[in-house]
Amino acid sequence: MRILLTSTVVGSFLLIGLIGVLPAAGQSIQPPQSAASSRMAAVADSKTERDTYVQKARDEVQAWQQKLHDLREKTKARNSQASSTTRKDLNAAWTEADDAFHFAMSGRVLSKSPEDVEGRY
């Protein structure tokens, strides 16, 4: 019972204290003008910082895109050169194999007996 009485008295004082602190019902709560202007400045600074960050990020992305493009072009050039070299080597090997085949078919190897040919290998 004592606790109930104490909490009622303390609660009443708190309620009275809050009513005195709260503005009247007809008044609106508005921050002082200096607080509002500082908030506007903070919002403007925040927007500027965000815009600066976004622009920097875009510039970095463009730089990487350019690097990738340059790398792709260099790779194409190297592959083209390697392809050309490989094509020449393949053509030379094919010509050599074709010449060896025609030489073998020219009758020099075919005129020998299979025993002579097997003995060489």
PDB file of N, CA and C in Angstrom:
ATOM      1  N   MET A   1       0.806  -1.182   0.000  1.00  0.00           N
ATOM      2  CA  MET A   1       0.000   0.000   0.000  1.00  0.00           C
ATOM      3  C   MET A   1       0.855   1.254   0.000  1.00  0.00           C
ATOM      4  N   ARG A   2       1.908   1.171   0.758  1.00  0.00           N
ATOM      5  CA  ARG A   2       2.814   2.304   0.832  1.00  0.00           C
ATOM      6  C   ARG A   2       3.406   2.619  -0.549  1.00  0.00           C
ATOM      7  N   ILE A   3       3.742   1.566  -1.296  1.00  0.00           N
ATOM      8  CA  ILE A   3       4.341   1.744  -2.615  1.00  0.00           C
ATOM      9  C   ILE A   3       3.332   2.385  -3.562  1.00  0.00           C
ATOM     10  N   LEU A   4       2.092   1.991  -3.478  1.00  0.00           N
ATOM     11  CA  LEU A   4       1.057   2.558  -4.330  1.00  0.00           C
ATOM     12  C   LEU A   4       0.881   4.039  -4.040  1.00  0.00           C
ATOM     13  N   LEU A   5       0.849   4.407  -2.761  1.00  0.00           N
ATOM     14  CA  LEU A   5       0.700   5.802  -2.374  1.00  0.00           C
ATOM     15  C   LEU A   5       1.897   6.622  -2.827  1.00  0.00           C
ATOM     16  N   THR A   6       3.085   6.096  -2.655  1.00  0.00           N
ATOM     17  CA  THR A   6       4.307   6.795  -3.046  1.00  0.00           C
ATOM     18  C   THR A   6       4.353   6.984  -4.551  1.00  0.00           C
ATOM     19  N   SER A   7       4.017   5.951  -5.305  1.00  0.00           N
ATOM     20  CA  SER A   7       4.064   6.075  -6.761  1.00  0.00           C
ATOM     21  C   SER A   7       3.008   7.036  -7.268  1.00  0.00           C
ATOM     22  N   THR A   8       1.865   7.124  -6.611  1.00  0.00           N
ATOM     23  CA  THR A   8       0.827   8.067  -7.008  1.00  0.00           C
ATOM     24  C   THR A   8       1.286   9.495  -6.778  1.00  0.00           C
ATOM     25  N   VAL A   9       1.903   9.752  -5.634  1.00  0.00           N
ATOM     26  CA  VAL A   9       2.382  11.109  -5.319  1.00  0.00           C
ATOM     27  C   VAL A   9       3.506  11.496  -6.275  1.00  0.00           C
ATOM     28  N   VAL A  10       4.449  10.616  -6.475  1.00  0.00           N
ATOM     29  CA  VAL A  10       5.578  10.918  -7.371  1.00  0.00           C
ATOM     30  C   VAL A  10       5.076  11.089  -8.794  1.00  0.00           C
ATOM     31  N   GLY A  11       4.148  10.245  -9.221  1.00  0.00           N
ATOM     32  CA  GLY A  11       3.593  10.360 -10.561  1.00  0.00           C
ATOM     33  C   GLY A  11       2.867  11.668 -10.758  1.00  0.00           C
ATOM     34  N   SER A  12       2.171  12.146  -9.740  1.00  0.00           N
ATOM     35  CA  SER A  12       1.464  13.422  -9.845  1.00  0.00           C
ATOM     36  C   SER A  12       2.431  14.574 -10.009  1.00  0.00           C
ATOM     37  N   PHE A  13       3.508  14.559  -9.228  1.00  0.00           N
ATOM     38  CA  PHE A  13       4.502  15.634  -9.346  1.00  0.00           C
ATOM     39  C   PHE A  13       5.161  15.625 -10.724  1.00  0.00           C
ATOM     40  N   LEU A  14       5.429  14.449 -11.209  1.00  0.00           N
ATOM     41  CA  LEU A  14       6.020  14.358 -12.549  1.00  0.00           C
ATOM     42  C   LEU A  14       5.062  14.874 -13.607  1.00  0.00           C
ATOM     43  N   LEU A  15       3.798  14.545 -13.485  1.00  0.00           N
ATOM     44  CA  LEU A  15       2.797  14.996 -14.439  1.00  0.00           C
ATOM     45  C   LEU A  15       2.662  16.512 -14.402  1.00  0.00           C
ATOM     46  N   ILE A  16       2.628  17.071 -13.224  1.00  0.00           N
ATOM     47  CA  ILE A  16       2.540  18.533 -13.079  1.00  0.00           C
ATOM     48  C   ILE A  16       3.783  19.185 -13.673  1.00  0.00           C
ATOM     49  N   GLY A  17       4.931  18.577 -13.438  1.00  0.00           N
ATOM     50  CA  GLY A  17       6.174  19.132 -13.980  1.00  0.00           C
ATOM     51  C   GLY A  17       6.187  19.096 -15.501  1.00  0.00           C
ATOM     52  N   LEU A  18       5.676  18.034 -16.092  1.00  0.00           N
ATOM     53  CA  LEU A  18       5.654  17.928 -17.551  1.00  0.00           C
ATOM     54  C   LEU A  18       4.684  18.919 -18.167  1.00  0.00           C
ATOM     55  N   ILE A  19       3.557  19.130 -17.518  1.00  0.00           N
ATOM     56  CA  ILE A  19       2.580  20.080 -18.043  1.00  0.00           C
ATOM     57  C   ILE A  19       3.161  21.481 -18.066  1.00  0.00           C
ATOM     58  N   GLY A  20       3.926  21.821 -17.050  1.00  0.00           N
ATOM     59  CA  GLY A  20       4.547  23.153 -17.014  1.00  0.00           C
ATOM     60  C   GLY A  20       5.609  23.324 -18.076  1.00  0.00           C
ATOM     61  N   VAL A  21       6.242  22.245 -18.464  1.00  0.00           N
ATOM     62  CA  VAL A  21       7.315  22.317 -19.453  1.00  0.00           C
ATOM     63  C   VAL A  21       6.769  22.333 -20.867  1.00  0.00           C
ATOM     64  N   LEU A  22       5.710  21.598 -21.123  1.00  0.00           N
ATOM     65  CA  LEU A  22       5.141  21.512 -22.466  1.00  0.00           C
ATOM     66  C   LEU A  22       4.536  22.846 -22.883  1.00  0.00           C
ATOM     67  N   PRO A  23       4.606  23.173 -24.174  1.00  0.00           N
ATOM     68  CA  PRO A  23       4.002  24.421 -24.638  1.00  0.00           C
ATOM     69  C   PRO A  23       2.481  24.328 -24.593  1.00  0.00           C
ATOM     70  N   ALA A  24       1.865  25.450 -24.683  1.00  0.00           N
ATOM     71  CA  ALA A  24       0.399  25.482 -24.676  1.00  0.00           C
ATOM     72  C   ALA A  24      -0.110  24.775 -25.920  1.00  0.00           C
ATOM     73  N   ALA A  25      -1.349  24.296 -25.895  1.00  0.00           N
ATOM     74  CA  ALA A  25      -1.912  23.497 -26.974  1.00  0.00           C
ATOM     75  C   ALA A  25      -1.937  24.249 -28.300  1.00  0.00           C
ATOM     76  N   GLY A  26      -2.124  25.534 -28.282  1.00  0.00           N
ATOM     77  CA  GLY A  26      -2.211  26.318 -29.517  1.00  0.00           C
ATOM     78  C   GLY A  26      -0.869  26.652 -30.113  1.00  0.00           C
ATOM     79  N   GLN A  27       0.185  26.484 -29.374  1.00  0.00           N
ATOM     80  CA  GLN A  27       1.512  26.844 -29.881  1.00  0.00           C
ATOM     81  C   GLN A  27       2.123  25.670 -30.642  1.00  0.00           C
ATOM     82  N   SER A  28       2.832  25.979 -31.692  1.00  0.00           N
ATOM     83  CA  SER A  28       3.548  24.929 -32.422  1.00  0.00           C
ATOM     84  C   SER A  28       5.005  24.942 -31.988  1.00  0.00           C
ATOM     85  N   ILE A  29       5.617  23.790 -32.051  1.00  0.00           N
ATOM     86  CA  ILE A  29       7.024  23.687 -31.663  1.00  0.00           C
ATOM     87  C   ILE A  29       7.856  23.908 -32.912  1.00  0.00           C
ATOM     88  N   GLN A  30       8.637  24.949 -32.937  1.00  0.00           N
ATOM     89  CA  GLN A  30       9.515  25.231 -34.054  1.00  0.00           C
ATOM     90  C   GLN A  30      10.909  25.498 -33.506  1.00  0.00           C
ATOM     91  N   PRO A  31      11.893  24.962 -34.179  1.00  0.00           N
ATOM     92  CA  PRO A  31      13.254  25.215 -33.709  1.00  0.00           C
ATOM     93  C   PRO A  31      13.616  26.668 -33.941  1.00  0.00           C
ATOM     94  N   PRO A  32      14.526  27.159 -33.165  1.00  0.00           N
ATOM     95  CA  PRO A  32      14.986  28.534 -33.393  1.00  0.00           C
ATOM     96  C   PRO A  32      15.555  28.674 -34.806  1.00  0.00           C
ATOM     97  N   GLN A  33      15.541  29.864 -35.342  1.00  0.00           N
ATOM     98  CA  GLN A  33      15.968  30.121 -36.719  1.00  0.00           C
ATOM     99  C   GLN A  33      17.421  29.707 -36.945  1.00  0.00           C
ATOM    100  N   SER A  34      18.281  29.930 -35.978  1.00  0.00           N
ATOM    101  CA  SER A  34      19.698  29.591 -36.165  1.00  0.00           C
ATOM    102  C   SER A  34      19.875  28.081 -36.276  1.00  0.00           C
ATOM    103  N   ALA A  35      19.090  27.295 -35.532  1.00  0.00           N
ATOM    104  CA  ALA A  35      19.181  25.838 -35.621  1.00  0.00           C
ATOM    105  C   ALA A  35      18.714  25.362 -36.990  1.00  0.00           C
ATOM    106  N   ALA A  36      17.642  25.959 -37.507  1.00  0.00           N
ATOM    107  CA  ALA A  36      17.130  25.576 -38.819  1.00  0.00           C
ATOM    108  C   ALA A  36      18.146  25.896 -39.908  1.00  0.00           C
ATOM    109  N   SER A  37      18.774  27.050 -39.828  1.00  0.00           N
ATOM    110  CA  SER A  37      19.750  27.416 -40.857  1.00  0.00           C
ATOM    111  C   SER A  37      20.990  26.528 -40.777  1.00  0.00           C
ATOM    112  N   SER A  38      21.377  26.135 -39.578  1.00  0.00           N
ATOM    113  CA  SER A  38      22.540  25.248 -39.480  1.00  0.00           C
ATOM    114  C   SER A  38      22.200  23.861 -40.031  1.00  0.00           C
ATOM    115  N   ARG A  39      20.943  23.446 -39.862  1.00  0.00           N
ATOM    116  CA  ARG A  39      20.530  22.160 -40.438  1.00  0.00           C
ATOM    117  C   ARG A  39      20.532  22.241 -41.967  1.00  0.00           C
ATOM    118  N   MET A  40      20.062  23.360 -42.492  1.00  0.00           N
ATOM    119  CA  MET A  40      20.069  23.541 -43.949  1.00  0.00           C
ATOM    120  C   MET A  40      21.498  23.522 -44.477  1.00  0.00           C
ATOM    121  N   ALA A  41      22.413  24.161 -43.760  1.00  0.00           N
ATOM    122  CA  ALA A  41      23.810  24.178 -44.173  1.00  0.00           C
ATOM    123  C   ALA A  41      24.388  22.765 -44.121  1.00  0.00           C
ATOM    124  N   ALA A  42      24.014  22.014 -43.087  1.00  0.00           N
ATOM    125  CA  ALA A  42      24.501  20.638 -42.967  1.00  0.00           C
ATOM    126  C   ALA A  42      23.972  19.781 -44.110  1.00  0.00           C
ATOM    127  N   VAL A  43      22.709  19.984 -44.481  1.00  0.00           N
ATOM    128  CA  VAL A  43      22.121  19.236 -45.599  1.00  0.00           C
ATOM    129  C   VAL A  43      22.823  19.608 -46.893  1.00  0.00           C
ATOM    130  N   ALA A  44      23.098  20.899 -47.087  1.00  0.00           N
ATOM    131  CA  ALA A  44      23.784  21.353 -48.301  1.00  0.00           C
ATOM    132  C   ALA A  44      25.195  20.772 -48.359  1.00  0.00           C
ATOM    133  N   ASP A  45      25.896  20.790 -47.207  1.00  0.00           N
ATOM    134  CA  ASP A  45      27.238  20.208 -47.169  1.00  0.00           C
ATOM    135  C   ASP A  45      27.180  18.716 -47.459  1.00  0.00           C
ATOM    136  N   SER A  46      26.176  18.047 -46.915  1.00  0.00           N
ATOM    137  CA  SER A  46      26.024  16.615 -47.137  1.00  0.00           C
ATOM    138  C   SER A  46      25.784  16.325 -48.611  1.00  0.00           C
ATOM    139  N   LYS A  47      24.941  17.123 -49.259  1.00  0.00           N
ATOM    140  CA  LYS A  47      24.663  16.940 -50.685  1.00  0.00           C
ATOM    141  C   LYS A  47      25.929  17.194 -51.510  1.00  0.00           C
ATOM    142  N   THR A  48      26.682  18.206 -51.149  1.00  0.00           N
ATOM    143  CA  THR A  48      27.922  18.504 -51.869  1.00  0.00           C
ATOM    144  C   THR A  48      28.918  17.368 -51.717  1.00  0.00           C
ATOM    145  N   GLU A  49      29.038  16.867 -50.494  1.00  0.00           N
ATOM    146  CA  GLU A  49      29.946  15.742 -50.258  1.00  0.00           C
ATOM    147  C   GLU A  49      29.509  14.512 -51.059  1.00  0.00           C
ATOM    148  N   ARG A  50      28.214  14.247 -51.080  1.00  0.00           N
ATOM    149  CA  ARG A  50      27.701  13.097 -51.820  1.00  0.00           C
ATOM    150  C   ARG A  50      27.969  13.268 -53.313  1.00  0.00           C
ATOM    151  N   ASP A  51      27.702  14.461 -53.837  1.00  0.00           N
ATOM    152  CA  ASP A  51      27.940  14.708 -55.259  1.00  0.00           C
ATOM    153  C   ASP A  51      29.421  14.554 -55.601  1.00  0.00           C
ATOM    154  N   THR A  52      30.281  15.051 -54.712  1.00  0.00           N
ATOM    155  CA  THR A  52      31.722  14.920 -54.925  1.00  0.00           C
ATOM    156  C   THR A  52      32.132  13.459 -54.918  1.00  0.00           C
ATOM    157  N   TYR A  53      31.595  12.694 -53.975  1.00  0.00           N
ATOM    158  CA  TYR A  53      31.907  11.267 -53.877  1.00  0.00           C
ATOM    159  C   TYR A  53      31.441  10.525 -55.124  1.00  0.00           C
ATOM    160  N   VAL A  54      30.222  10.823 -55.564  1.00  0.00           N
ATOM    161  CA  VAL A  54      29.676  10.147 -56.747  1.00  0.00           C
ATOM    162  C   VAL A  54      30.519  10.479 -57.978  1.00  0.00           C
ATOM    163  N   GLN A  55      30.912  11.732 -58.131  1.00  0.00           N
ATOM    164  CA  GLN A  55      31.724  12.123 -59.284  1.00  0.00           C
ATOM    165  C   GLN A  55      33.081  11.422 -59.250  1.00  0.00           C
ATOM    166  N   LYS A  56      33.672  11.354 -58.058  1.00  0.00           N
ATOM    167  CA  LYS A  56      34.965  10.673 -57.925  1.00  0.00           C
ATOM    168  C   LYS A  56      34.825   9.194 -58.278  1.00  0.00           C
ATOM    169  N   ALA A  57      33.746   8.568 -57.809  1.00  0.00           N
ATOM    170  CA  ALA A  57      33.516   7.154 -58.114  1.00  0.00           C
ATOM    171  C   ALA A  57      33.332   6.949 -59.615  1.00  0.00           C
ATOM    172  N   ARG A  58      32.592   7.835 -60.260  1.00  0.00           N
ATOM    173  CA  ARG A  58      32.396   7.726 -61.716  1.00  0.00           C
ATOM    174  C   ARG A  58      33.717   7.877 -62.457  1.00  0.00           C
ATOM    175  N   ASP A  59      34.533   8.824 -62.021  1.00  0.00           N
ATOM    176  CA  ASP A  59      35.836   9.020 -62.655  1.00  0.00           C
ATOM    177  C   ASP A  59      36.704   7.771 -62.519  1.00  0.00           C
ATOM    178  N   GLU A  60      36.668   7.150 -61.336  1.00  0.00           N
ATOM    179  CA  GLU A  60      37.455   5.935 -61.130  1.00  0.00           C
ATOM    180  C   GLU A  60      36.946   4.796 -62.008  1.00  0.00           C
ATOM    181  N   VAL A  61      35.635   4.672 -62.133  1.00  0.00           N
ATOM    182  CA  VAL A  61      35.062   3.628 -62.990  1.00  0.00           C
ATOM    183  C   VAL A  61      35.473   3.862 -64.440  1.00  0.00           C
ATOM    184  N   GLN A  62      35.428   5.111 -64.886  1.00  0.00           N
ATOM    185  CA  GLN A  62      35.838   5.413 -66.265  1.00  0.00           C
ATOM    186  C   GLN A  62      37.311   5.108 -66.480  1.00  0.00           C
ATOM    187  N   ALA A  63      38.132   5.400 -65.478  1.00  0.00           N
ATOM    188  CA  ALA A  63      39.560   5.108 -65.592  1.00  0.00           C
ATOM    189  C   ALA A  63      39.780   3.600 -65.733  1.00  0.00           C
ATOM    190  N   TRP A  64      39.067   2.804 -64.938  1.00  0.00           N
ATOM    191  CA  TRP A  64      39.211   1.356 -65.041  1.00  0.00           C
ATOM    192  C   TRP A  64      38.664   0.836 -66.365  1.00  0.00           C
ATOM    193  N   GLN A  65      37.573   1.419 -66.848  1.00  0.00           N
ATOM    194  CA  GLN A  65      37.054   1.007 -68.149  1.00  0.00           C
ATOM    195  C   GLN A  65      38.074   1.288 -69.244  1.00  0.00           C
ATOM    196  N   GLN A  66      38.754   2.424 -69.156  1.00  0.00           N
ATOM    197  CA  GLN A  66      39.780   2.761 -70.144  1.00  0.00           C
ATOM    198  C   GLN A  66      40.951   1.786 -70.059  1.00  0.00           C
ATOM    199  N   LYS A  67      41.353   1.443 -68.822  1.00  0.00           N
ATOM    200  CA  LYS A  67      42.442   0.479 -68.653  1.00  0.00           C
ATOM    201  C   LYS A  67      42.063  -0.872 -69.263  1.00  0.00           C
ATOM    202  N   LEU A  68      40.836  -1.319 -69.018  1.00  0.00           N
ATOM    203  CA  LEU A  68      40.386  -2.595 -69.583  1.00  0.00           C
ATOM    204  C   LEU A  68      40.329  -2.536 -71.108  1.00  0.00           C
ATOM    205  N   HIS A  69      39.864  -1.412 -71.636  1.00  0.00           N
ATOM    206  CA  HIS A  69      39.817  -1.248 -73.095  1.00  0.00           C
ATOM    207  C   HIS A  69      41.232  -1.315 -73.681  1.00  0.00           C
ATOM    208  N   ASP A  70      42.169  -0.596 -73.058  1.00  0.00           N
ATOM    209  CA  ASP A  70      43.553  -0.602 -73.541  1.00  0.00           C
ATOM    210  C   ASP A  70      44.152  -2.012 -73.471  1.00  0.00           C
ATOM    211  N   LEU A  71      43.875  -2.719 -72.367  1.00  0.00           N
ATOM    212  CA  LEU A  71      44.380  -4.077 -72.218  1.00  0.00           C
ATOM    213  C   LEU A  71      43.795  -4.990 -73.297  1.00  0.00           C
ATOM    214  N   ARG A  72      42.505  -4.819 -73.579  1.00  0.00           N
ATOM    215  CA  ARG A  72      41.852  -5.623 -74.607  1.00  0.00           C
ATOM    216  C   ARG A  72      42.499  -5.364 -75.971  1.00  0.00           C
ATOM    217  N   GLU A  73      42.781  -4.104 -76.275  1.00  0.00           N
ATOM    218  CA  GLU A  73      43.403  -3.778 -77.561  1.00  0.00           C
ATOM    219  C   GLU A  73      44.810  -4.358 -77.654  1.00  0.00           C
ATOM    220  N   LYS A  74      45.581  -4.263 -76.558  1.00  0.00           N
ATOM    221  CA  LYS A  74      46.933  -4.836 -76.570  1.00  0.00           C
ATOM    222  C   LYS A  74      46.870  -6.350 -76.743  1.00  0.00           C
ATOM    223  N   THR A  75      45.910  -6.970 -76.075  1.00  0.00           N
ATOM    224  CA  THR A  75      45.759  -8.422 -76.176  1.00  0.00           C
ATOM    225  C   THR A  75      45.374  -8.827 -77.592  1.00  0.00           C
ATOM    226  N   LYS A  76      44.486  -8.052 -78.216  1.00  0.00           N
ATOM    227  CA  LYS A  76      44.118  -8.345 -79.607  1.00  0.00           C
ATOM    228  C   LYS A  76      45.344  -8.272 -80.512  1.00  0.00           C
ATOM    229  N   ALA A  77      46.165  -7.242 -80.310  1.00  0.00           N
ATOM    230  CA  ALA A  77      47.360  -7.073 -81.139  1.00  0.00           C
ATOM    231  C   ALA A  77      48.328  -8.233 -80.925  1.00  0.00           C
ATOM    232  N   ARG A  78      48.532  -8.621 -79.656  1.00  0.00           N
ATOM    233  CA  ARG A  78      49.439  -9.732 -79.371  1.00  0.00           C
ATOM    234  C   ARG A  78      48.895 -11.041 -79.946  1.00  0.00           C
ATOM    235  N   ASN A  79      47.590 -11.253 -79.782  1.00  0.00           N
ATOM    236  CA  ASN A  79      46.985 -12.477 -80.309  1.00  0.00           C
ATOM    237  C   ASN A  79      47.076 -12.525 -81.824  1.00  0.00           C
ATOM    238  N   SER A  80      46.901 -11.373 -82.464  1.00  0.00           N
ATOM    239  CA  SER A  80      46.995 -11.314 -83.916  1.00  0.00           C
ATOM    240  C   SER A  80      48.412 -11.659 -84.365  1.00  0.00           C
ATOM    241  N   GLN A  81      49.391 -11.106 -83.653  1.00  0.00           N
ATOM    242  CA  GLN A  81      50.780 -11.390 -83.990  1.00  0.00           C
ATOM    243  C   GLN A  81      51.103 -12.862 -83.726  1.00  0.00           C
ATOM    244  N   ALA A  82      50.649 -13.382 -82.596  1.00  0.00           N
ATOM    245  CA  ALA A  82      50.890 -14.785 -82.270  1.00  0.00           C
ATOM    246  C   ALA A  82      50.181 -15.691 -83.265  1.00  0.00           C
ATOM    247  N   SER A  83      48.979 -15.307 -83.655  1.00  0.00           N
ATOM    248  CA  SER A  83      48.226 -16.093 -84.627  1.00  0.00           C
ATOM    249  C   SER A  83      48.952 -16.122 -85.970  1.00  0.00           C
ATOM    250  N   SER A  84      49.495 -14.984 -86.361  1.00  0.00           N
ATOM    251  CA  SER A  84      50.222 -14.906 -87.624  1.00  0.00           C
ATOM    252  C   SER A  84      51.476 -15.778 -87.576  1.00  0.00           C
ATOM    253  N   THR A  85      52.197 -15.701 -86.464  1.00  0.00           N
ATOM    254  CA  THR A  85      53.405 -16.520 -86.302  1.00  0.00           C
ATOM    255  C   THR A  85      53.049 -18.005 -86.302  1.00  0.00           C
ATOM    256  N   THR A  86      51.987 -18.350 -85.580  1.00  0.00           N
ATOM    257  CA  THR A  86      51.555 -19.748 -85.517  1.00  0.00           C
ATOM    258  C   THR A  86      51.120 -20.241 -86.889  1.00  0.00           C
ATOM    259  N   ARG A  87      50.402 -19.388 -87.629  1.00  0.00           N
ATOM    260  CA  ARG A  87      49.967 -19.765 -88.967  1.00  0.00           C
ATOM    261  C   ARG A  87      51.175 -20.036 -89.869  1.00  0.00           C
ATOM    262  N   LYS A  88      52.199 -19.184 -89.786  1.00  0.00           N
ATOM    263  CA  LYS A  88      53.405 -19.392 -90.609  1.00  0.00           C
ATOM    264  C   LYS A  88      54.097 -20.691 -90.217  1.00  0.00           C
ATOM    265  N   ASP A  89      54.213 -20.943 -88.906  1.00  0.00           N
ATOM    266  CA  ASP A  89      54.860 -22.182 -88.453  1.00  0.00           C
ATOM    267  C   ASP A  89      54.069 -23.410 -88.897  1.00  0.00           C
ATOM    268  N   LEU A  90      52.752 -23.330 -88.779  1.00  0.00           N
ATOM    269  CA  LEU A  90      51.909 -24.457 -89.181  1.00  0.00           C
ATOM    270  C   LEU A  90      52.016 -24.704 -90.688  1.00  0.00           C
ATOM    271  N   ASN A  91      52.015 -23.631 -91.464  1.00  0.00           N
ATOM    272  CA  ASN A  91      52.155 -23.777 -92.916  1.00  0.00           C
ATOM    273  C   ASN A  91      53.511 -24.375 -93.280  1.00  0.00           C
ATOM    274  N   ALA A  92      54.562 -23.943 -92.569  1.00  0.00           N
ATOM    275  CA  ALA A  92      55.893 -24.492 -92.845  1.00  0.00           C
ATOM    276  C   ALA A  92      55.934 -25.975 -92.488  1.00  0.00           C
ATOM    277  N   ALA A  93      55.357 -26.352 -91.358  1.00  0.00           N
ATOM    278  CA  ALA A  93      55.342 -27.764 -90.954  1.00  0.00           C
ATOM    279  C   ALA A  93      54.513 -28.588 -91.931  1.00  0.00           C
ATOM    280  N   TRP A  94      53.400 -28.047 -92.372  1.00  0.00           N
ATOM    281  CA  TRP A  94      52.554 -28.767 -93.325  1.00  0.00           C
ATOM    282  C   TRP A  94      53.287 -28.957 -94.653  1.00  0.00           C
ATOM    283  N   THR A  95      53.946 -27.920 -95.106  1.00  0.00           N
ATOM    284  CA  THR A  95      54.700 -28.008 -96.358  1.00  0.00           C
ATOM    285  C   THR A  95      55.805 -29.049 -96.238  1.00  0.00           C
ATOM    286  N   GLU A  96      56.484 -29.052 -95.100  1.00  0.00           N
ATOM    287  CA  GLU A  96      57.545 -30.033 -94.882  1.00  0.00           C
ATOM    288  C   GLU A  96      56.976 -31.455 -94.870  1.00  0.00           C
ATOM    289  N   ALA A  97      55.854 -31.653 -94.192  1.00  0.00           N
ATOM    290  CA  ALA A  97      55.222 -32.980 -94.148  1.00  0.00           C
ATOM    291  C   ALA A  97      54.720 -33.396 -95.528  1.00  0.00           C
ATOM    292  N   ASP A  98      54.170 -32.435 -96.256  1.00  0.00           N
ATOM    293  CA  ASP A  98      53.666 -32.721 -97.602  1.00  0.00           C
ATOM    294  C   ASP A  98      54.817 -33.091 -98.536  1.00  0.00           C
ATOM    295  N   ASP A  99      55.920 -32.354 -98.439  1.00  0.00           N
ATOM    296  CA  ASP A  99      57.099 -32.679 -99.256  1.00  0.00           C
ATOM    297  C   ASP A  99      57.629 -34.064 -98.909  1.00  0.00           C
ATOM    298  N   ALA A 100      57.645 -34.389 -97.610  1.00  0.00           N
ATOM    299  CA  ALA A 100      58.130 -35.711 -97.201  1.00  0.00           C
ATOM    300  C   ALA A 100      57.213 -36.798 -97.739  1.00  0.00           C
ATOM    301  N   PHE A 101      55.913 -36.556 -97.713  1.00  0.00           N
ATOM    302  CA  PHE A 101      54.958 -37.531 -98.242  1.00  0.00           C
ATOM    303  C   PHE A 101      55.174 -37.737 -99.730  1.00  0.00           C
ATOM    304  N   HIS A 102      55.312 -36.627-100.488  1.00  0.00           N
ATOM    305  CA  HIS A 102      55.508 -36.741-101.933  1.00  0.00           C
ATOM    306  C   HIS A 102      56.837 -37.406-102.255  1.00  0.00           C
ATOM    307  N   PHE A 103      57.830 -37.129-101.452  1.00  0.00           N
ATOM    308  CA  PHE A 103      59.121 -37.782-101.657  1.00  0.00           C
ATOM    309  C   PHE A 103      58.978 -39.284-101.443  1.00  0.00           C
ATOM    310  N   ALA A 104      58.224 -39.662-100.382  1.00  0.00           N
ATOM    311  CA  ALA A 104      58.031 -41.083-100.087  1.00  0.00           C
ATOM    312  C   ALA A 104      57.211 -41.747-101.182  1.00  0.00           C
ATOM    313  N   MET A 105      56.281 -41.038-101.738  1.00  0.00           N
ATOM    314  CA  MET A 105      55.411 -41.605-102.768  1.00  0.00           C
ATOM    315  C   MET A 105      56.071 -41.579-104.147  1.00  0.00           C
ATOM    316  N   SER A 106      57.185 -40.931-104.260  1.00  0.00           N
ATOM    317  CA  SER A 106      57.817 -40.787-105.577  1.00  0.00           C
ATOM    318  C   SER A 106      58.384 -42.090-106.106  1.00  0.00           C
ATOM    319  N   GLY A 107      58.330 -43.140-105.346  1.00  0.00           N
ATOM    320  CA  GLY A 107      58.795 -44.426-105.836  1.00  0.00           C
ATOM    321  C   GLY A 107      60.079 -44.862-105.196  1.00  0.00           C
ATOM    322  N   ARG A 108      60.782 -44.021-104.564  1.00  0.00           N
ATOM    323  CA  ARG A 108      62.047 -44.398-103.959  1.00  0.00           C
ATOM    324  C   ARG A 108      61.819 -45.340-102.780  1.00  0.00           C
ATOM    325  N   VAL A 109      60.838 -45.033-101.950  1.00  0.00           N
ATOM    326  CA  VAL A 109      60.576 -45.880-100.792  1.00  0.00           C
ATOM    327  C   VAL A 109      59.724 -47.064-101.211  1.00  0.00           C
ATOM    328  N   LEU A 110      58.799 -46.879-102.131  1.00  0.00           N
ATOM    329  CA  LEU A 110      57.885 -47.937-102.532  1.00  0.00           C
ATOM    330  C   LEU A 110      58.581 -49.046-103.321  1.00  0.00           C
ATOM    331  N   SER A 111      59.703 -48.747-103.935  1.00  0.00           N
ATOM    332  CA  SER A 111      60.393 -49.752-104.724  1.00  0.00           C
ATOM    333  C   SER A 111      61.143 -50.741-103.848  1.00  0.00           C
ATOM    334  N   LYS A 112      61.297 -50.452-102.597  1.00  0.00           N
ATOM    335  CA  LYS A 112      62.019 -51.340-101.694  1.00  0.00           C
ATOM    336  C   LYS A 112      61.050 -52.325-101.075  1.00  0.00           C
ATOM    337  N   SER A 113      61.581 -53.410-100.602  1.00  0.00           N
ATOM    338  CA  SER A 113      60.737 -54.422 -99.963  1.00  0.00           C
ATOM    339  C   SER A 113      60.360 -53.992 -98.552  1.00  0.00           C
ATOM    340  N   PRO A 114      59.253 -54.527 -98.004  1.00  0.00           N
ATOM    341  CA  PRO A 114      58.837 -54.144 -96.652  1.00  0.00           C
ATOM    342  C   PRO A 114      59.870 -54.459 -95.609  1.00  0.00           C
ATOM    343  N   GLU A 115      60.683 -55.480 -95.809  1.00  0.00           N
ATOM    344  CA  GLU A 115      61.723 -55.818 -94.843  1.00  0.00           C
ATOM    345  C   GLU A 115      62.779 -54.737 -94.756  1.00  0.00           C
ATOM    346  N   ASP A 116      63.118 -54.139 -95.908  1.00  0.00           N
ATOM    347  CA  ASP A 116      64.116 -53.070 -95.926  1.00  0.00           C
ATOM    348  C   ASP A 116      63.575 -51.837 -95.182  1.00  0.00           C
ATOM    349  N   VAL A 117      62.328 -51.557 -95.412  1.00  0.00           N
ATOM    350  CA  VAL A 117      61.715 -50.381 -94.780  1.00  0.00           C
ATOM    351  C   VAL A 117      61.601 -50.607 -93.275  1.00  0.00           C
ATOM    352  N   GLU A 118      61.158 -51.825 -92.860  1.00  0.00           N
ATOM    353  CA  GLU A 118      61.004 -52.105 -91.428  1.00  0.00           C
ATOM    354  C   GLU A 118      62.339 -52.103 -90.712  1.00  0.00           C
ATOM    355  N   GLY A 119      63.375 -52.494 -91.386  1.00  0.00           N
ATOM    356  CA  GLY A 119      64.688 -52.534 -90.776  1.00  0.00           C
ATOM    357  C   GLY A 119      65.212 -51.153 -90.407  1.00  0.00           C
ATOM    358  N   ARG A 120      64.772 -50.146 -91.105  1.00  0.00           N
ATOM    359  CA  ARG A 120      65.228 -48.782 -90.835  1.00  0.00           C
ATOM    360  C   ARG A 120      64.599 -48.215 -89.580  1.00  0.00           C
ATOM    361  N   TYR A 121      63.417 -48.673 -89.253  1.00  0.00           N
ATOM    362  CA  TYR A 121      62.706 -48.065 -88.134  1.00  0.00           C
ATOM    363  C   TYR A 121      63.017 -48.821 -86.923  1.00  0.00           C
TER     364      TYR A 121
END
